[in-house]
Structures are given as C-alpha cells and as structure tokens.
C-alpha cells in the first residue's frame, strides 16, 4: 500500500506515531475522450490565455477570486499553515459512541498503522477503545483539506473516517416535494412491513457486485475481439397505480417455495405379487406382563374352519 500521510494521533499527553493508507480504491472503468473524425485521444493543455503558451506545473499557484477577475494568491506553505497540515497531528477532541453518528457525515476511510516505535502506544489506544466501545472524534488535514474524522477500531487495525462538518450537510428542509402529513393506509403499511420482513437478511457485502462494471467489461472484450454488439434497450418502468396490488405481487414473488413430501410411491403390480406375508405383531409389554395367549392362529386351522362353514 502507498502511504498517503504520516503523522501522529494525540489523546491527552499520549502520542501515537502513525502512517495512513487508503482503505478503498476506485474501480470505475476510465474512458478517454476521442476525436471521432480521426480516432485520436484528446489531451488537456494548461494554457495561459494572456501569455498564449502552455504552463508547467511548477509555474502554477493557487488563488481565490474575491471579485470577478481579481484574485488573492497563496503559496503551498501558507495553505499548509492555515490547514494545520504542517504539524502532522491528529488530535482526538472527544470520545463518543459510533451509533450516535449518522452515516451522512462519513466521507472516506483510511487505515492507520504504527510508525517507528509507536506499536505499544498504538496497541494501548486500540485496546482501550475496544474495551470502552468508544470512537475518537478528531480534526485532520490531508492534502490541504481540513475535515473532521472518526477514529475507530476495525478488526485489529485503527481506521480513520473523514467526515463532513455540520455546515457542509444540506438541510432536509431544502428537499423539494417531500410528503406532508397524509395518513398511510393500515393494510398497505402491514403488507409493506411483511415485504420488509421477507427481504430482511444479515448483511453480507460479498453478495453485492458492480453489475454495470461487469457488463461494461464484457462489452469491451467483445469490441476488442471485433464483434458487432447490440445492447437491447431496457423497458421503462410504468408508474404503479395500484399500490396494494404491487405489494401483494412483491410478497408473492419473494415467498419461499415449500416442497411437500409426497410420501412413498404406490407399489406397482410386480411389487404387489412379491409382497411377503404379514408377520404377526410383537407382543406389547402389557400383554407380556399379563401372560395373555398371544400366539397367532395357525393357517391350517383357519382353512379347516372355513371348510366347515361351507358344509
């Protein structure tokens, strides 16, 4: 893994030297812009319109446009000083419960590993957070960007989740067309709960895949092989008019299939011919204890009795 940041975690007077690594990677399939006429890839040129020439990276600074066409300039050192990136410290401000933080605040996850001789302090912080069930809230600056951060234990590793500040979260009141105080029909609510129950399962991240990426990679392979590929258009979904019918159909669609045991198959004619004579039932414990005569009637005796009845 590539180290993206080096610094230390501080809580109280304890100092934990750490290295930071990206915990996630972007697997989006990148596309280039191509000139359709000749098939050449297009390039972006950093060009100054006044000097009419290309500008190298070392000649580029950063500025803030406070009025149209007017800028104040900043160099790299100034921005690092303002952001606090120069001291390379993650200062834990508070310890809180993870359940108290809404997921809307989280941005990106990083792994932390101990640096230099910081293993003991690293393990101390990790075990203390495990035992108390708390996570640390800190402020961090990465690449001149300051943000809140949540430091938590992930398996046997400390992880940092960068977070938005509260004023970066847009108010829900700005969302248009939210439903008002309309009453929900009780039958529809009951069926919706049934559907949720039937679709409920323990979370398993491995079962979810990026189907768009898989289809696109398959399409790329066919095109590289020179095959003519036509993608069938998807049918647009129509608006659901009958909500009850849609709920009922959804419940029926996810119902588990119950396979009933049909029992032993009926014997065929051949099996009927070969069926052995029924054995006499074994005596029960009560019969044996009472000394009852439980011997079966001989076959011969039954036949002779039948003959006497005929005469």
Protein backbone atom coordinates (compact mmCIF):
# COMPACT_ATOMS: atom_id res chain seq x y z
CA UNK A 1 0.00 0.00 0.00
CA UNK A 2 1.12 3.55 -0.72
CA UNK A 3 1.49 5.84 2.31
CA UNK A 4 -0.73 8.89 1.83
CA UNK A 5 0.08 10.64 5.13
CA UNK A 6 2.44 10.40 8.08
CA UNK A 7 1.86 11.95 11.47
CA UNK A 8 0.61 11.06 14.92
CA UNK A 9 -2.54 10.59 16.97
CA UNK A 10 -2.66 12.55 20.22
CA UNK A 11 -5.10 11.97 23.08
CA UNK A 12 -4.25 13.73 26.30
CA UNK A 13 -0.46 13.59 26.58
CA UNK A 14 -0.20 10.25 24.72
CA UNK A 15 1.48 10.46 21.32
CA UNK A 16 0.99 7.65 18.75
CA UNK A 17 3.11 7.92 15.54
CA UNK A 18 1.13 6.51 12.59
CA UNK A 19 1.14 6.07 8.81
CA UNK A 20 -2.06 6.40 6.79
CA UNK A 21 -3.18 4.28 3.83
CA UNK A 22 -6.30 4.41 1.66
CA UNK A 23 -8.73 1.68 2.71
CA UNK A 24 -10.74 1.83 -0.52
CA UNK A 25 -9.99 2.02 -4.23
CA UNK A 26 -11.98 3.35 -7.15
CA UNK A 27 -12.62 0.60 -9.69
CA UNK A 28 -14.54 2.73 -12.17
CA UNK A 29 -13.57 2.00 -15.77
CA UNK A 30 -11.92 5.15 -17.10
CA UNK A 31 -12.74 6.38 -20.59
CA UNK A 32 -10.77 8.79 -22.76
CA UNK A 33 -12.31 11.49 -24.91
CA UNK A 34 -11.66 10.60 -28.56
CA UNK A 35 -11.82 12.76 -31.68
CA UNK A 36 -14.48 10.91 -33.72
CA UNK A 37 -13.08 12.17 -37.03
CA UNK A 38 -9.61 10.62 -36.72
CA UNK A 39 -9.85 8.45 -33.58
CA UNK A 40 -7.10 10.32 -31.69
CA UNK A 41 -7.35 10.80 -27.89
CA UNK A 42 -7.81 14.37 -26.79
CA UNK A 43 -5.45 15.97 -24.28
CA UNK A 44 -5.97 18.80 -21.84
CA UNK A 45 -3.49 21.64 -22.06
CA UNK A 46 -2.76 24.07 -19.22
CA UNK A 47 -2.55 27.19 -21.33
CA UNK A 48 -2.41 30.84 -20.27
CA UNK A 49 -4.73 32.91 -22.49
CA UNK A 50 -2.70 36.10 -21.90
CA UNK A 51 0.81 34.72 -22.47
CA UNK A 52 -0.53 32.32 -25.14
CA UNK A 53 1.66 29.45 -24.02
CA UNK A 54 1.49 26.18 -22.08
CA UNK A 55 2.20 26.45 -18.34
CA UNK A 56 4.29 23.90 -16.43
CA UNK A 57 3.18 22.64 -13.01
CA UNK A 58 5.99 24.47 -11.19
CA UNK A 59 4.68 27.75 -12.60
CA UNK A 60 1.17 27.22 -11.22
CA UNK A 61 -0.05 28.69 -7.94
CA UNK A 62 -3.44 28.86 -6.21
CA UNK A 63 -5.68 31.91 -5.90
CA UNK A 64 -9.10 32.89 -4.63
CA UNK A 65 -11.37 35.00 -6.85
CA UNK A 66 -12.87 37.55 -4.44
CA UNK A 67 -14.23 39.69 -7.31
CA UNK A 68 -14.71 39.00 -10.99
CA UNK A 69 -11.17 38.83 -12.45
CA UNK A 70 -9.45 39.72 -9.12
CA UNK A 71 -7.53 37.10 -7.13
CA UNK A 72 -5.52 36.82 -3.93
CA UNK A 73 -2.62 34.37 -4.27
CA UNK A 74 -1.42 31.68 -1.86
CA UNK A 75 1.66 29.52 -1.90
CA UNK A 76 1.84 25.94 -0.63
CA UNK A 77 3.41 26.82 2.73
CA UNK A 78 0.70 29.34 3.57
CA UNK A 79 -2.06 26.84 2.87
CA UNK A 80 -0.33 24.17 4.98
CA UNK A 81 -0.01 26.57 7.91
CA UNK A 82 -3.67 27.58 7.72
CA UNK A 83 -4.90 23.98 7.46
CA UNK A 84 -2.70 22.74 10.30
CA UNK A 85 -1.13 20.21 7.97
CA UNK A 86 2.37 21.35 8.94
CA UNK A 87 2.29 19.81 12.44
CA UNK A 88 1.01 16.43 11.17
CA UNK A 89 -1.09 15.77 14.26
CA UNK A 90 -4.48 14.10 14.67
CA UNK A 91 -5.74 15.48 17.97
CA UNK A 92 -8.64 13.50 19.45
CA UNK A 93 -11.09 16.03 20.86
CA UNK A 94 -13.79 13.70 22.25
CA UNK A 95 -14.71 10.05 22.58
CA UNK A 96 -18.28 9.13 21.58
CA UNK A 97 -20.46 6.14 20.65
CA UNK A 98 -20.43 5.21 16.97
CA UNK A 99 -24.24 4.78 16.99
CA UNK A 100 -24.60 8.50 17.70
CA UNK A 101 -23.17 9.48 14.29
CA UNK A 102 -25.44 9.45 11.25
CA UNK A 103 -23.75 7.84 8.18
CA UNK A 104 -24.37 11.04 6.17
CA UNK A 105 -21.30 12.54 7.88
CA UNK A 106 -18.82 9.92 6.63
CA UNK A 107 -16.62 10.56 3.57
CA UNK A 108 -13.66 8.23 3.06
CA UNK A 109 -11.92 5.50 5.06
CA UNK A 110 -8.19 5.21 5.74
CA UNK A 111 -6.18 2.59 7.61
CA UNK A 112 -3.61 3.59 10.24
CA UNK A 113 -0.55 1.56 11.14
CA UNK A 114 2.04 2.29 13.86
CA UNK A 115 5.12 4.17 12.69
CA UNK A 116 8.64 3.86 14.10
CA UNK A 117 8.50 2.81 17.77
CA UNK A 118 4.77 3.52 18.20
CA UNK A 119 3.50 -0.06 18.42
CA UNK A 120 2.95 -0.05 22.19
CA UNK A 121 1.02 3.24 22.22
CA UNK A 122 -0.94 2.12 19.12
CA UNK A 123 -1.99 -1.14 20.78
CA UNK A 124 -2.83 0.68 24.01
CA UNK A 125 -5.20 3.09 22.23
CA UNK A 126 -6.77 0.29 20.18
CA UNK A 127 -7.43 -1.97 23.19
CA UNK A 128 -8.76 0.91 25.30
CA UNK A 129 -11.22 1.85 22.55
CA UNK A 130 -12.27 -1.79 22.17
CA UNK A 131 -12.94 -2.21 25.89
CA UNK A 132 -14.88 1.05 26.23
CA UNK A 133 -16.74 0.73 22.91
CA UNK A 134 -15.88 4.33 22.07
CA UNK A 135 -14.54 6.03 18.94
CA UNK A 136 -12.45 9.20 18.81
CA UNK A 137 -13.56 12.44 17.12
CA UNK A 138 -10.62 14.46 15.81
CA UNK A 139 -9.64 17.09 13.28
CA UNK A 140 -7.29 16.17 10.45
CA UNK A 141 -5.79 17.84 7.37
CA UNK A 142 -4.95 15.74 4.31
CA UNK A 143 -3.65 17.39 1.14
CA UNK A 144 -4.55 20.87 2.43
CA UNK A 145 -8.13 19.81 3.13
CA UNK A 146 -9.28 20.05 6.73
CA UNK A 147 -12.06 17.79 7.96
CA UNK A 148 -13.50 16.11 10.99
CA UNK A 149 -12.50 12.49 11.48
CA UNK A 150 -13.73 9.47 13.40
CA UNK A 151 -11.01 7.11 14.65
CA UNK A 152 -12.32 3.63 15.31
CA UNK A 153 -11.18 0.01 15.63
CA UNK A 154 -11.67 -2.15 12.54
CA UNK A 155 -10.71 -5.76 13.29
CA UNK A 156 -7.15 -5.40 14.64
CA UNK A 157 -6.47 -2.05 12.98
CA UNK A 158 -7.20 1.60 13.69
CA UNK A 159 -9.15 3.29 10.93
CA UNK A 160 -9.90 6.93 10.20
CA UNK A 161 -13.20 8.01 8.64
CA UNK A 162 -13.02 11.56 7.32
CA UNK A 163 -16.27 13.41 7.99
CA UNK A 164 -18.18 16.43 6.77
CA UNK A 165 -18.60 19.39 9.10
CA UNK A 166 -22.21 20.09 10.13
CA UNK A 167 -22.43 23.21 7.93
CA UNK A 168 -21.48 21.05 4.91
CA UNK A 169 -24.64 18.93 5.35
CA UNK A 170 -27.56 20.41 3.45
CA UNK A 171 -30.76 20.85 5.48
CA UNK A 172 -33.54 18.36 4.75
CA UNK A 173 -35.93 21.33 4.58
CA UNK A 174 -34.38 22.21 1.20
CA UNK A 175 -35.50 18.89 -0.33
CA UNK A 176 -38.50 19.57 -2.61
CA UNK A 177 -41.77 17.61 -2.81
CA UNK A 178 -41.44 15.74 0.50
CA UNK A 179 -44.77 14.16 1.57
CA UNK A 180 -46.84 16.03 4.13
CA UNK A 181 -48.97 14.67 6.95
CA UNK A 182 -51.06 12.32 4.80
CA UNK A 183 -52.28 9.20 6.57
CA UNK A 184 -50.90 5.84 5.42
CA UNK A 185 -53.47 3.09 4.89
CA UNK A 186 -53.17 0.45 7.60
CA UNK A 187 -53.44 -2.52 5.18
CA UNK A 188 -50.75 -1.11 2.92
CA UNK A 189 -48.49 -0.47 5.91
CA UNK A 190 -48.98 -4.04 7.17
CA UNK A 191 -48.14 -5.52 3.76
CA UNK A 192 -45.11 -3.22 3.40
CA UNK A 193 -43.84 -4.48 6.77
CA UNK A 194 -44.40 -8.09 5.65
CA UNK A 195 -42.39 -7.44 2.50
CA UNK A 196 -39.55 -5.88 4.51
CA UNK A 197 -39.53 -8.89 6.85
CA UNK A 198 -39.35 -11.33 3.95
CA UNK A 199 -36.49 -9.39 2.33
CA UNK A 200 -34.57 -8.99 5.60
CA UNK A 201 -31.27 -10.88 5.88
CA UNK A 202 -27.89 -10.49 7.62
CA UNK A 203 -25.60 -8.11 5.73
CA UNK A 204 -23.05 -9.88 3.54
CA UNK A 205 -21.01 -7.46 1.44
CA UNK A 206 -19.66 -10.28 -0.74
CA UNK A 207 -23.08 -10.90 -2.34
CA UNK A 208 -23.18 -7.42 -3.94
CA UNK A 209 -21.29 -6.79 -7.17
CA UNK A 210 -20.95 -3.88 -9.57
CA UNK A 211 -23.11 -5.24 -12.38
CA UNK A 212 -22.58 -2.16 -14.54
CA UNK A 213 -18.80 -2.64 -14.43
CA UNK A 214 -19.15 -6.36 -15.23
CA UNK A 215 -21.41 -5.67 -18.23
CA UNK A 216 -19.12 -2.89 -19.47
CA UNK A 217 -16.01 -5.09 -19.22
CA UNK A 218 -17.83 -7.84 -21.12
CA UNK A 219 -18.83 -5.33 -23.80
CA UNK A 220 -15.22 -4.08 -24.05
CA UNK A 221 -13.94 -7.64 -24.55
CA UNK A 222 -16.43 -8.25 -27.37
CA UNK A 223 -15.49 -4.99 -29.07
CA UNK A 224 -11.75 -5.71 -28.75
CA UNK A 225 -12.43 -9.06 -30.43
CA UNK A 226 -14.06 -7.20 -33.31
CA UNK A 227 -17.57 -8.49 -32.66
CA UNK A 228 -20.65 -6.47 -33.52
CA UNK A 229 -22.52 -5.84 -30.30
CA UNK A 230 -26.02 -4.50 -29.86
CA UNK A 231 -27.33 -3.77 -26.41
CA UNK A 232 -31.07 -4.28 -26.01
CA UNK A 233 -32.79 -1.18 -24.60
CA UNK A 234 -34.34 -1.59 -21.18
CA UNK A 235 -38.07 -1.20 -20.89
CA UNK A 236 -39.04 1.89 -18.89
CA UNK A 237 -40.99 1.12 -15.74
CA UNK A 238 -44.53 2.40 -15.64
CA UNK A 239 -45.89 4.23 -12.63
CA UNK A 240 -47.52 1.98 -10.05
CA UNK A 241 -51.22 2.78 -9.97
CA UNK A 242 -52.48 0.13 -7.53
CA UNK A 243 -50.15 0.13 -4.52
CA UNK A 244 -51.92 -2.81 -2.84
CA UNK A 245 -51.57 -4.94 -5.98
CA UNK A 246 -47.88 -4.07 -6.24
CA UNK A 247 -47.30 -5.00 -2.59
CA UNK A 248 -49.18 -8.29 -2.96
CA UNK A 249 -47.26 -9.19 -6.13
CA UNK A 250 -43.97 -8.35 -4.41
CA UNK A 251 -44.77 -10.56 -1.42
CA UNK A 252 -45.78 -13.43 -3.70
CA UNK A 253 -42.55 -13.02 -5.68
CA UNK A 254 -40.30 -13.42 -2.62
CA UNK A 255 -42.27 -16.18 -0.86
CA UNK A 256 -40.08 -19.26 -0.25
CA UNK A 257 -41.07 -22.33 -2.26
CA UNK A 258 -42.33 -25.06 0.10
CA UNK A 259 -41.67 -28.59 -1.18
CA UNK A 260 -44.12 -31.09 0.35
CA UNK A 261 -43.15 -34.75 0.86
CA UNK A 262 -45.37 -36.85 -1.45
CA UNK A 263 -44.74 -39.94 0.71
CA UNK A 264 -43.73 -43.39 -0.54
CA UNK A 265 -44.79 -44.19 -4.10
CA UNK A 266 -47.58 -46.77 -4.57
CA UNK A 267 -46.17 -50.21 -5.38
CA UNK A 268 -46.61 -51.49 -8.93
CA UNK A 269 -48.13 -54.84 -9.90
CA UNK A 270 -44.79 -56.63 -9.76
CA UNK A 271 -44.16 -55.39 -6.28
CA UNK A 272 -47.65 -56.48 -5.18
CA UNK A 273 -47.01 -60.06 -6.31
CA UNK A 274 -43.77 -60.30 -4.38
CA UNK A 275 -45.16 -58.79 -1.19
CA UNK A 276 -44.31 -61.15 1.72
CA UNK A 277 -46.90 -62.42 4.15
CA UNK A 278 -47.52 -60.10 7.08
CA UNK A 279 -45.65 -61.10 10.21
CA UNK A 280 -47.54 -61.30 13.46
CA UNK A 281 -47.28 -58.23 15.64
CA UNK A 282 -44.84 -58.42 18.52
CA UNK A 283 -46.48 -58.62 21.97
CA UNK A 284 -46.77 -55.43 23.91
CA UNK A 285 -45.26 -55.01 27.35
CA UNK A 286 -48.77 -55.13 28.95
CA UNK A 287 -49.66 -58.37 27.15
CA UNK A 288 -46.40 -59.99 28.15
CA UNK A 289 -46.88 -58.97 31.77
CA UNK A 290 -50.49 -60.31 31.87
CA UNK A 291 -49.44 -63.66 30.39
CA UNK A 292 -52.11 -63.49 27.64
CA UNK A 293 -52.05 -66.09 24.93
CA UNK A 294 -50.78 -64.08 22.06
CA UNK A 295 -49.78 -66.84 19.66
CA UNK A 296 -51.33 -66.39 16.24
CA UNK A 297 -53.94 -68.83 14.91
CA UNK A 298 -52.28 -71.40 12.62
CA UNK A 299 -53.07 -71.07 8.95
CA UNK A 300 -54.24 -74.70 8.71
CA UNK A 301 -56.80 -74.23 11.45
CA UNK A 302 -58.28 -71.19 9.71
CA UNK A 303 -58.64 -73.19 6.47
CA UNK A 304 -60.40 -76.14 8.16
CA UNK A 305 -62.81 -73.78 9.89
CA UNK A 306 -63.63 -72.21 6.55
CA UNK A 307 -64.44 -75.66 5.10
CA UNK A 308 -66.80 -76.50 7.99
CA UNK A 309 -68.66 -73.29 7.42
CA UNK A 310 -69.11 -74.15 3.73
CA UNK A 311 -70.70 -77.51 4.62
